[in-house]
Amino acid sequence: MNSPATEVVRLLTVRAETLAVAESLTGGLVAAEITAAPGASRAFRGSVTAYATELKHELLGVDATLLAERGAVDPQVAAQMAAGVRKALGAAWGIATTGVAGPEEQDGKPVGTVYVAVDGPTSELSGGGKVASLRLNGDRAEIRMESVRSVLALLLQELAGEQTGNERAQDTERNGGF
């Protein structure tokens, strides 16, 4: 079976769509995982590792007030990071990771608090991207690697859901609109 990153690259290539990545706690691991997949250059636009909080605002367009009030580890921050990198790098899809890998808590959030987000073509229709809230166990390395797996799984879920929707639309067309 293909790795999640290989499957992401395959699906995006088939659809002639592209991906951009915004990372915080994963520090480039998501981009590394994607670029390890054969054919990644056909689908991967690039990534922004915005580890410092102010870079989330300056490079990705995350609302400064949101960052000041809630900190960088927040579901809305993750959503805005995904939308921001998608726009900044001109990709069909944007994914993002933000959270606390440890060893200490950050912004009052315990170690293992992670948010991963996806923003894509259907996000405008639904009023925003998809965010998953995670509470992960393990050491720093385990939390970071599970964050990579989780954001890729969320993207695959969104890609599969959109594909299913398109197939339904085509079926409806073939069946005379019923």
N, C-alpha and C. Protein backbone atom coordinates (compact mmCIF):
# COMPACT_ATOMS: atom_id res chain seq x y z
N MET A 1 0.84 -1.19 0.00
CA MET A 1 0.00 0.00 0.00
C MET A 1 0.89 1.26 0.00
N ASN A 2 0.41 2.28 -0.70
CA ASN A 2 1.14 3.54 -0.75
C ASN A 2 1.14 4.25 0.60
N SER A 3 2.19 5.00 0.86
CA SER A 3 2.22 5.84 2.06
C SER A 3 1.19 6.95 1.88
N PRO A 4 0.73 7.57 2.97
CA PRO A 4 -0.22 8.68 2.83
C PRO A 4 0.32 9.80 1.92
N ALA A 5 1.60 10.12 2.04
CA ALA A 5 2.16 11.18 1.21
C ALA A 5 2.14 10.79 -0.26
N THR A 6 2.48 9.54 -0.56
CA THR A 6 2.46 9.06 -1.94
C THR A 6 1.04 9.11 -2.49
N GLU A 7 0.07 8.74 -1.67
CA GLU A 7 -1.33 8.78 -2.09
C GLU A 7 -1.79 10.22 -2.32
N VAL A 8 -1.37 11.15 -1.47
CA VAL A 8 -1.69 12.57 -1.66
C VAL A 8 -1.14 13.05 -3.00
N VAL A 9 0.12 12.76 -3.26
CA VAL A 9 0.75 13.18 -4.52
C VAL A 9 0.02 12.56 -5.71
N ARG A 10 -0.32 11.28 -5.60
CA ARG A 10 -1.03 10.60 -6.69
C ARG A 10 -2.37 11.26 -6.98
N LEU A 11 -3.15 11.48 -5.94
CA LEU A 11 -4.48 12.08 -6.12
C LEU A 11 -4.39 13.49 -6.69
N LEU A 12 -3.48 14.28 -6.15
CA LEU A 12 -3.33 15.65 -6.65
C LEU A 12 -2.87 15.67 -8.10
N THR A 13 -1.96 14.77 -8.46
CA THR A 13 -1.46 14.70 -9.83
C THR A 13 -2.59 14.31 -10.79
N VAL A 14 -3.37 13.31 -10.43
CA VAL A 14 -4.50 12.88 -11.26
C VAL A 14 -5.47 14.03 -11.47
N ARG A 15 -5.67 14.84 -10.45
CA ARG A 15 -6.62 15.95 -10.51
C ARG A 15 -6.00 17.24 -11.07
N ALA A 16 -4.70 17.20 -11.34
CA ALA A 16 -3.95 18.38 -11.82
C ALA A 16 -4.11 19.53 -10.83
N GLU A 17 -3.99 19.20 -9.51
CA GLU A 17 -4.07 20.20 -8.46
C GLU A 17 -2.76 20.24 -7.69
N THR A 18 -2.58 21.33 -6.94
CA THR A 18 -1.32 21.53 -6.23
C THR A 18 -1.56 21.71 -4.73
N LEU A 19 -0.46 21.59 -3.99
CA LEU A 19 -0.50 21.65 -2.53
C LEU A 19 0.59 22.57 -2.00
N ALA A 20 0.24 23.34 -0.97
CA ALA A 20 1.20 24.14 -0.22
C ALA A 20 1.04 23.79 1.26
N VAL A 21 2.14 23.89 2.01
CA VAL A 21 2.16 23.47 3.41
C VAL A 21 2.62 24.62 4.31
N ALA A 22 1.90 24.83 5.42
CA ALA A 22 2.31 25.77 6.47
C ALA A 22 2.56 24.95 7.73
N GLU A 23 3.76 25.06 8.28
CA GLU A 23 4.10 24.25 9.44
C GLU A 23 4.61 25.11 10.59
N SER A 24 4.25 24.68 11.78
CA SER A 24 4.82 25.25 12.98
C SER A 24 5.52 24.13 13.74
N LEU A 25 4.80 23.42 14.60
CA LEU A 25 5.46 22.41 15.46
C LEU A 25 6.16 21.33 14.67
N THR A 26 5.75 21.04 13.45
CA THR A 26 6.37 19.97 12.66
C THR A 26 7.65 20.43 11.97
N GLY A 27 7.91 21.73 11.93
CA GLY A 27 9.20 22.27 11.50
C GLY A 27 9.72 21.79 10.16
N GLY A 28 8.88 21.48 9.22
CA GLY A 28 9.31 21.04 7.90
C GLY A 28 9.13 19.56 7.64
N LEU A 29 8.68 18.81 8.65
CA LEU A 29 8.51 17.36 8.49
C LEU A 29 7.42 17.01 7.48
N VAL A 30 6.34 17.81 7.41
CA VAL A 30 5.27 17.54 6.44
C VAL A 30 5.81 17.71 5.03
N ALA A 31 6.50 18.80 4.79
CA ALA A 31 7.09 19.04 3.47
C ALA A 31 8.08 17.93 3.12
N ALA A 32 8.89 17.51 4.08
CA ALA A 32 9.86 16.44 3.83
C ALA A 32 9.15 15.14 3.47
N GLU A 33 8.08 14.84 4.15
CA GLU A 33 7.32 13.62 3.88
C GLU A 33 6.72 13.66 2.47
N ILE A 34 6.17 14.79 2.09
CA ILE A 34 5.57 14.92 0.76
C ILE A 34 6.63 14.85 -0.33
N THR A 35 7.74 15.55 -0.13
CA THR A 35 8.77 15.57 -1.17
C THR A 35 9.52 14.23 -1.27
N ALA A 36 9.38 13.37 -0.29
CA ALA A 36 9.96 12.03 -0.37
C ALA A 36 9.15 11.13 -1.31
N ALA A 37 7.92 11.52 -1.60
CA ALA A 37 7.05 10.72 -2.47
C ALA A 37 7.46 10.90 -3.93
N PRO A 38 7.52 9.82 -4.69
CA PRO A 38 7.85 9.92 -6.11
C PRO A 38 6.86 10.83 -6.84
N GLY A 39 7.37 11.69 -7.69
CA GLY A 39 6.50 12.57 -8.48
C GLY A 39 6.01 13.79 -7.74
N ALA A 40 6.53 14.06 -6.55
CA ALA A 40 6.04 15.18 -5.74
C ALA A 40 6.11 16.51 -6.48
N SER A 41 7.09 16.67 -7.35
CA SER A 41 7.25 17.96 -8.04
C SER A 41 6.06 18.30 -8.94
N ARG A 42 5.26 17.31 -9.29
CA ARG A 42 4.07 17.59 -10.13
C ARG A 42 2.95 18.22 -9.32
N ALA A 43 2.97 18.08 -7.99
CA ALA A 43 1.85 18.55 -7.18
C ALA A 43 2.24 19.51 -6.06
N PHE A 44 3.47 19.46 -5.61
CA PHE A 44 3.88 20.23 -4.42
C PHE A 44 4.44 21.58 -4.82
N ARG A 45 3.82 22.67 -4.35
CA ARG A 45 4.26 24.03 -4.66
C ARG A 45 5.38 24.48 -3.73
N GLY A 46 5.26 24.18 -2.44
CA GLY A 46 6.26 24.63 -1.48
C GLY A 46 5.68 24.70 -0.09
N SER A 47 6.50 25.22 0.83
CA SER A 47 6.06 25.28 2.22
C SER A 47 6.63 26.51 2.91
N VAL A 48 5.96 26.87 4.00
CA VAL A 48 6.42 27.93 4.88
C VAL A 48 6.47 27.33 6.28
N THR A 49 7.66 27.35 6.88
CA THR A 49 7.79 26.92 8.27
C THR A 49 7.80 28.19 9.11
N ALA A 50 6.64 28.50 9.66
CA ALA A 50 6.46 29.72 10.47
C ALA A 50 6.48 29.31 11.94
N TYR A 51 7.66 29.06 12.44
CA TYR A 51 7.81 28.60 13.82
C TYR A 51 7.55 29.73 14.81
N ALA A 52 8.06 30.92 14.50
CA ALA A 52 7.84 32.10 15.36
C ALA A 52 6.42 32.62 15.14
N THR A 53 5.75 32.97 16.22
CA THR A 53 4.36 33.41 16.15
C THR A 53 4.16 34.58 15.19
N GLU A 54 5.06 35.59 15.23
CA GLU A 54 4.85 36.76 14.37
C GLU A 54 4.92 36.40 12.88
N LEU A 55 5.64 35.33 12.53
CA LEU A 55 5.70 34.93 11.13
C LEU A 55 4.38 34.35 10.63
N LYS A 56 3.60 33.79 11.54
CA LYS A 56 2.28 33.30 11.15
C LYS A 56 1.44 34.46 10.63
N HIS A 57 1.60 35.63 11.23
CA HIS A 57 0.90 36.83 10.76
C HIS A 57 1.58 37.40 9.52
N GLU A 58 2.89 37.61 9.59
CA GLU A 58 3.61 38.30 8.52
C GLU A 58 3.65 37.51 7.22
N LEU A 59 3.84 36.21 7.27
CA LEU A 59 3.98 35.41 6.05
C LEU A 59 2.69 34.71 5.62
N LEU A 60 1.84 34.38 6.59
CA LEU A 60 0.65 33.59 6.27
C LEU A 60 -0.65 34.35 6.43
N GLY A 61 -0.58 35.58 6.92
CA GLY A 61 -1.78 36.39 7.03
C GLY A 61 -2.71 36.03 8.17
N VAL A 62 -2.21 35.30 9.17
CA VAL A 62 -3.05 34.98 10.33
C VAL A 62 -3.35 36.28 11.07
N ASP A 63 -4.58 36.44 11.48
CA ASP A 63 -5.03 37.66 12.15
C ASP A 63 -4.20 37.93 13.41
N ALA A 64 -3.61 39.13 13.48
CA ALA A 64 -2.73 39.50 14.61
C ALA A 64 -3.49 39.53 15.93
N THR A 65 -4.72 39.99 15.91
CA THR A 65 -5.54 40.04 17.13
C THR A 65 -5.82 38.63 17.64
N LEU A 66 -6.12 37.72 16.73
CA LEU A 66 -6.35 36.32 17.09
C LEU A 66 -5.10 35.74 17.76
N LEU A 67 -3.95 35.98 17.17
CA LEU A 67 -2.69 35.50 17.76
C LEU A 67 -2.44 36.11 19.13
N ALA A 68 -2.71 37.41 19.27
CA ALA A 68 -2.49 38.09 20.55
C ALA A 68 -3.42 37.57 21.63
N GLU A 69 -4.67 37.31 21.26
CA GLU A 69 -5.68 36.89 22.25
C GLU A 69 -5.60 35.40 22.60
N ARG A 70 -5.35 34.56 21.61
CA ARG A 70 -5.42 33.11 21.84
C ARG A 70 -4.09 32.39 21.74
N GLY A 71 -3.07 33.05 21.19
CA GLY A 71 -1.79 32.39 20.98
C GLY A 71 -1.79 31.61 19.68
N ALA A 72 -0.66 31.01 19.39
CA ALA A 72 -0.46 30.32 18.11
C ALA A 72 -1.10 28.94 18.07
N VAL A 73 -1.39 28.37 19.23
CA VAL A 73 -1.95 27.02 19.29
C VAL A 73 -3.47 27.14 19.45
N ASP A 74 -4.14 27.19 18.29
CA ASP A 74 -5.58 27.48 18.26
C ASP A 74 -6.15 26.95 16.95
N PRO A 75 -7.37 26.42 16.97
CA PRO A 75 -7.94 25.89 15.73
C PRO A 75 -8.12 26.95 14.64
N GLN A 76 -8.50 28.16 15.01
CA GLN A 76 -8.66 29.22 14.01
C GLN A 76 -7.32 29.62 13.41
N VAL A 77 -6.27 29.60 14.21
CA VAL A 77 -4.92 29.89 13.71
C VAL A 77 -4.54 28.83 12.67
N ALA A 78 -4.80 27.56 12.97
CA ALA A 78 -4.49 26.50 12.02
C ALA A 78 -5.24 26.71 10.71
N ALA A 79 -6.53 27.03 10.81
CA ALA A 79 -7.34 27.25 9.60
C ALA A 79 -6.80 28.42 8.78
N GLN A 80 -6.44 29.51 9.47
CA GLN A 80 -5.92 30.68 8.76
C GLN A 80 -4.54 30.41 8.17
N MET A 81 -3.74 29.58 8.82
CA MET A 81 -2.44 29.20 8.27
C MET A 81 -2.62 28.43 6.96
N ALA A 82 -3.55 27.47 6.95
CA ALA A 82 -3.80 26.68 5.74
C ALA A 82 -4.31 27.56 4.61
N ALA A 83 -5.24 28.45 4.92
CA ALA A 83 -5.77 29.35 3.88
C ALA A 83 -4.68 30.31 3.42
N GLY A 84 -3.87 30.79 4.35
CA GLY A 84 -2.82 31.75 4.03
C GLY A 84 -1.73 31.18 3.14
N VAL A 85 -1.30 29.95 3.43
CA VAL A 85 -0.24 29.35 2.61
C VAL A 85 -0.79 28.98 1.23
N ARG A 86 -2.03 28.59 1.19
CA ARG A 86 -2.67 28.27 -0.09
C ARG A 86 -2.66 29.51 -0.99
N LYS A 87 -3.04 30.62 -0.41
CA LYS A 87 -3.06 31.88 -1.17
C LYS A 87 -1.65 32.36 -1.50
N ALA A 88 -0.76 32.37 -0.52
CA ALA A 88 0.61 32.88 -0.70
C ALA A 88 1.38 32.12 -1.77
N LEU A 89 1.18 30.81 -1.83
CA LEU A 89 1.94 29.99 -2.76
C LEU A 89 1.14 29.58 -4.00
N GLY A 90 -0.09 30.07 -4.11
CA GLY A 90 -0.90 29.83 -5.30
C GLY A 90 -1.22 28.37 -5.54
N ALA A 91 -1.65 27.68 -4.50
CA ALA A 91 -1.97 26.25 -4.60
C ALA A 91 -3.47 26.02 -4.50
N ALA A 92 -3.92 24.91 -5.05
CA ALA A 92 -5.32 24.51 -4.92
C ALA A 92 -5.65 24.14 -3.48
N TRP A 93 -4.69 23.54 -2.79
CA TRP A 93 -4.89 23.06 -1.42
C TRP A 93 -3.80 23.61 -0.51
N GLY A 94 -4.17 23.92 0.72
CA GLY A 94 -3.22 24.31 1.74
C GLY A 94 -3.46 23.47 2.98
N ILE A 95 -2.39 23.02 3.61
CA ILE A 95 -2.52 22.29 4.88
C ILE A 95 -1.60 22.95 5.90
N ALA A 96 -1.96 22.79 7.19
CA ALA A 96 -1.19 23.47 8.24
C ALA A 96 -1.16 22.63 9.52
N THR A 97 -0.07 22.84 10.27
CA THR A 97 0.08 22.23 11.59
C THR A 97 0.49 23.30 12.59
N THR A 98 -0.13 23.27 13.76
CA THR A 98 0.29 24.12 14.88
C THR A 98 -0.01 23.35 16.16
N GLY A 99 0.84 23.50 17.17
CA GLY A 99 0.60 22.78 18.40
C GLY A 99 1.78 22.83 19.35
N VAL A 100 1.69 22.00 20.38
CA VAL A 100 2.71 21.95 21.42
C VAL A 100 3.33 20.56 21.44
N ALA A 101 4.59 20.48 21.00
CA ALA A 101 5.29 19.19 20.98
C ALA A 101 6.03 18.93 22.29
N GLY A 102 6.23 19.98 23.08
CA GLY A 102 6.89 19.82 24.37
C GLY A 102 8.34 20.25 24.31
N PRO A 103 9.02 20.24 25.38
CA PRO A 103 8.67 19.55 26.62
C PRO A 103 7.74 20.33 27.56
N GLU A 104 7.61 21.67 27.35
CA GLU A 104 6.74 22.44 28.24
C GLU A 104 5.48 22.89 27.50
N GLU A 105 4.46 23.25 28.28
CA GLU A 105 3.24 23.80 27.68
C GLU A 105 3.56 25.14 27.03
N GLN A 106 2.65 25.57 26.16
CA GLN A 106 2.81 26.85 25.46
C GLN A 106 1.46 27.56 25.45
N ASP A 107 1.47 28.84 25.73
CA ASP A 107 0.23 29.65 25.73
C ASP A 107 -0.86 28.99 26.57
N GLY A 108 -0.45 28.34 27.67
CA GLY A 108 -1.42 27.69 28.55
C GLY A 108 -1.98 26.39 28.01
N LYS A 109 -1.45 25.92 26.89
CA LYS A 109 -1.92 24.66 26.28
C LYS A 109 -0.95 23.55 26.66
N PRO A 110 -1.50 22.40 27.06
CA PRO A 110 -0.62 21.29 27.47
C PRO A 110 0.10 20.65 26.28
N VAL A 111 1.21 19.99 26.59
CA VAL A 111 1.96 19.23 25.59
C VAL A 111 1.01 18.22 24.95
N GLY A 112 1.09 18.10 23.63
CA GLY A 112 0.23 17.16 22.89
C GLY A 112 -1.01 17.81 22.30
N THR A 113 -1.23 19.11 22.58
CA THR A 113 -2.35 19.83 21.98
C THR A 113 -1.91 20.23 20.57
N VAL A 114 -2.61 19.73 19.57
CA VAL A 114 -2.23 19.98 18.18
C VAL A 114 -3.49 20.26 17.36
N TYR A 115 -3.36 21.17 16.40
CA TYR A 115 -4.42 21.45 15.44
C TYR A 115 -3.84 21.31 14.05
N VAL A 116 -4.52 20.55 13.21
CA VAL A 116 -4.14 20.41 11.81
C VAL A 116 -5.31 20.89 10.97
N ALA A 117 -4.99 21.50 9.82
CA ALA A 117 -6.04 22.10 9.01
C ALA A 117 -5.81 21.87 7.53
N VAL A 118 -6.91 21.86 6.79
CA VAL A 118 -6.90 21.75 5.33
C VAL A 118 -7.79 22.85 4.78
N ASP A 119 -7.30 23.52 3.74
CA ASP A 119 -8.09 24.52 3.03
C ASP A 119 -7.99 24.19 1.54
N GLY A 120 -9.12 24.09 0.87
CA GLY A 120 -9.08 23.71 -0.54
C GLY A 120 -10.20 24.31 -1.35
N PRO A 121 -10.38 23.80 -2.56
CA PRO A 121 -11.38 24.35 -3.48
C PRO A 121 -12.80 24.39 -2.91
N THR A 122 -13.15 23.44 -2.06
CA THR A 122 -14.50 23.42 -1.50
C THR A 122 -14.64 24.32 -0.27
N SER A 123 -13.53 24.86 0.22
CA SER A 123 -13.57 25.67 1.44
C SER A 123 -14.40 26.94 1.26
N GLU A 124 -14.34 27.53 0.07
CA GLU A 124 -15.13 28.74 -0.18
C GLU A 124 -16.63 28.43 -0.10
N LEU A 125 -17.01 27.25 -0.58
CA LEU A 125 -18.42 26.86 -0.59
C LEU A 125 -18.93 26.58 0.82
N SER A 126 -18.06 25.97 1.63
CA SER A 126 -18.50 25.56 2.97
C SER A 126 -18.23 26.62 4.03
N GLY A 127 -17.62 27.74 3.64
CA GLY A 127 -17.37 28.81 4.59
C GLY A 127 -16.09 28.63 5.39
N GLY A 128 -15.19 27.80 4.91
CA GLY A 128 -13.91 27.63 5.58
C GLY A 128 -13.38 26.23 5.46
N GLY A 129 -12.13 26.07 5.82
CA GLY A 129 -11.49 24.77 5.71
C GLY A 129 -11.89 23.85 6.85
N LYS A 130 -11.22 22.74 6.93
CA LYS A 130 -11.49 21.72 7.94
C LYS A 130 -10.34 21.70 8.93
N VAL A 131 -10.67 21.66 10.22
CA VAL A 131 -9.65 21.61 11.27
C VAL A 131 -9.91 20.40 12.15
N ALA A 132 -8.85 19.69 12.49
CA ALA A 132 -8.95 18.58 13.45
C ALA A 132 -8.18 18.98 14.71
N SER A 133 -8.81 18.76 15.86
CA SER A 133 -8.19 19.01 17.16
C SER A 133 -7.67 17.68 17.68
N LEU A 134 -6.39 17.66 18.04
CA LEU A 134 -5.77 16.43 18.50
C LEU A 134 -5.22 16.60 19.90
N ARG A 135 -5.26 15.52 20.68
CA ARG A 135 -4.60 15.45 21.98
C ARG A 135 -3.69 14.24 21.90
N LEU A 136 -2.41 14.48 21.64
CA LEU A 136 -1.47 13.41 21.37
C LEU A 136 -0.61 13.09 22.58
N ASN A 137 -0.25 11.83 22.70
CA ASN A 137 0.64 11.37 23.76
C ASN A 137 1.99 11.02 23.16
N GLY A 138 2.98 10.99 24.01
CA GLY A 138 4.31 10.58 23.56
C GLY A 138 5.32 11.69 23.78
N ASP A 139 6.54 11.42 23.32
CA ASP A 139 7.58 12.42 23.45
C ASP A 139 7.48 13.41 22.29
N ARG A 140 8.37 14.36 22.29
CA ARG A 140 8.37 15.42 21.28
C ARG A 140 8.38 14.86 19.85
N ALA A 141 9.26 13.90 19.58
CA ALA A 141 9.37 13.31 18.24
C ALA A 141 8.09 12.59 17.85
N GLU A 142 7.51 11.85 18.79
CA GLU A 142 6.27 11.11 18.50
C GLU A 142 5.12 12.06 18.22
N ILE A 143 5.01 13.13 18.98
CA ILE A 143 3.94 14.10 18.77
C ILE A 143 4.09 14.76 17.39
N ARG A 144 5.31 15.11 17.03
CA ARG A 144 5.54 15.74 15.73
C ARG A 144 5.22 14.78 14.58
N MET A 145 5.65 13.53 14.69
CA MET A 145 5.38 12.56 13.61
C MET A 145 3.90 12.24 13.51
N GLU A 146 3.21 12.14 14.63
CA GLU A 146 1.76 11.88 14.59
C GLU A 146 1.03 13.09 13.99
N SER A 147 1.54 14.28 14.21
CA SER A 147 0.95 15.49 13.61
C SER A 147 1.07 15.43 12.09
N VAL A 148 2.22 14.96 11.58
CA VAL A 148 2.41 14.80 10.14
C VAL A 148 1.39 13.80 9.60
N ARG A 149 1.30 12.64 10.24
CA ARG A 149 0.35 11.61 9.80
C ARG A 149 -1.08 12.15 9.81
N SER A 150 -1.40 12.90 10.84
CA SER A 150 -2.78 13.40 11.00
C SER A 150 -3.15 14.43 9.95
N VAL A 151 -2.23 15.35 9.61
CA VAL A 151 -2.58 16.36 8.61
C VAL A 151 -2.70 15.72 7.23
N LEU A 152 -1.86 14.73 6.93
CA LEU A 152 -1.98 14.03 5.65
C LEU A 152 -3.27 13.22 5.58
N ALA A 153 -3.65 12.60 6.70
CA ALA A 153 -4.92 11.85 6.75
C ALA A 153 -6.11 12.78 6.55
N LEU A 154 -6.06 13.97 7.16
CA LEU A 154 -7.15 14.93 7.00
C LEU A 154 -7.24 15.38 5.54
N LEU A 155 -6.11 15.64 4.90
CA LEU A 155 -6.11 16.02 3.49
C LEU A 155 -6.66 14.88 2.64
N LEU A 156 -6.24 13.66 2.88
CA LEU A 156 -6.76 12.52 2.11
C LEU A 156 -8.27 12.39 2.27
N GLN A 157 -8.75 12.61 3.48
CA GLN A 157 -10.19 12.57 3.75
C GLN A 157 -10.93 13.63 2.92
N GLU A 158 -10.37 14.83 2.87
CA GLU A 158 -10.99 15.91 2.10
C GLU A 158 -10.92 15.62 0.60
N LEU A 159 -9.80 15.11 0.14
CA LEU A 159 -9.67 14.77 -1.29
C LEU A 159 -10.64 13.66 -1.67
N ALA A 160 -10.78 12.65 -0.82
CA ALA A 160 -11.70 11.54 -1.09
C ALA A 160 -13.15 12.03 -1.05
N GLY A 161 -13.45 12.91 -0.09
CA GLY A 161 -14.82 13.44 0.01
C GLY A 161 -15.19 14.27 -1.19
N GLU A 162 -14.24 15.06 -1.68
CA GLU A 162 -14.52 15.88 -2.85
C GLU A 162 -14.66 15.01 -4.08
N GLN A 163 -13.84 13.97 -4.19
CA GLN A 163 -13.91 13.06 -5.33
C GLN A 163 -15.27 12.36 -5.33
N THR A 164 -15.72 11.91 -4.15
CA THR A 164 -17.02 11.26 -4.04
C THR A 164 -18.12 12.22 -4.48
N GLY A 165 -18.02 13.47 -4.07
CA GLY A 165 -19.01 14.48 -4.47
C GLY A 165 -19.03 14.67 -5.97
N ASN A 166 -17.86 14.72 -6.59
CA ASN A 166 -17.79 14.88 -8.04
C ASN A 166 -18.36 13.67 -8.76
N GLU A 167 -18.06 12.48 -8.24
CA GLU A 167 -18.59 11.28 -8.86
C GLU A 167 -20.11 11.26 -8.76
N ARG A 168 -20.66 11.70 -7.62
CA ARG A 168 -22.10 11.78 -7.46
C ARG A 168 -22.72 12.73 -8.47
N ALA A 169 -22.06 13.87 -8.66
CA ALA A 169 -22.57 14.86 -9.62
C ALA A 169 -22.57 14.27 -11.03
N GLN A 170 -21.51 13.54 -11.38
CA GLN A 170 -21.46 12.94 -12.71
C GLN A 170 -22.52 11.86 -12.85
N ASP A 171 -22.75 11.05 -11.81
CA ASP A 171 -23.80 10.04 -11.85
C ASP A 171 -25.15 10.69 -12.07
N THR A 172 -25.40 11.78 -11.37
CA THR A 172 -26.68 12.48 -11.50
C THR A 172 -26.88 12.96 -12.94
N GLU A 173 -25.80 13.50 -13.51
CA GLU A 173 -25.87 13.95 -14.90
C GLU A 173 -26.21 12.81 -15.84
N ARG A 174 -25.53 11.69 -15.67
CA ARG A 174 -25.75 10.52 -16.53
C ARG A 174 -27.17 9.98 -16.39
N ASN A 175 -27.74 10.13 -15.21
CA ASN A 175 -29.08 9.59 -14.95
C ASN A 175 -30.18 10.62 -15.16
N GLY A 176 -29.92 11.58 -15.99
CA GLY A 176 -30.95 12.55 -16.33
C GLY A 176 -31.26 13.53 -15.21
N GLY A 177 -30.30 13.75 -14.31
CA GLY A 177 -30.50 14.75 -13.25
C GLY A 177 -31.24 14.22 -12.04
N PHE A 178 -31.42 12.91 -11.95
CA PHE A 178 -32.11 12.35 -10.78
C PHE A 178 -31.19 11.53 -9.92
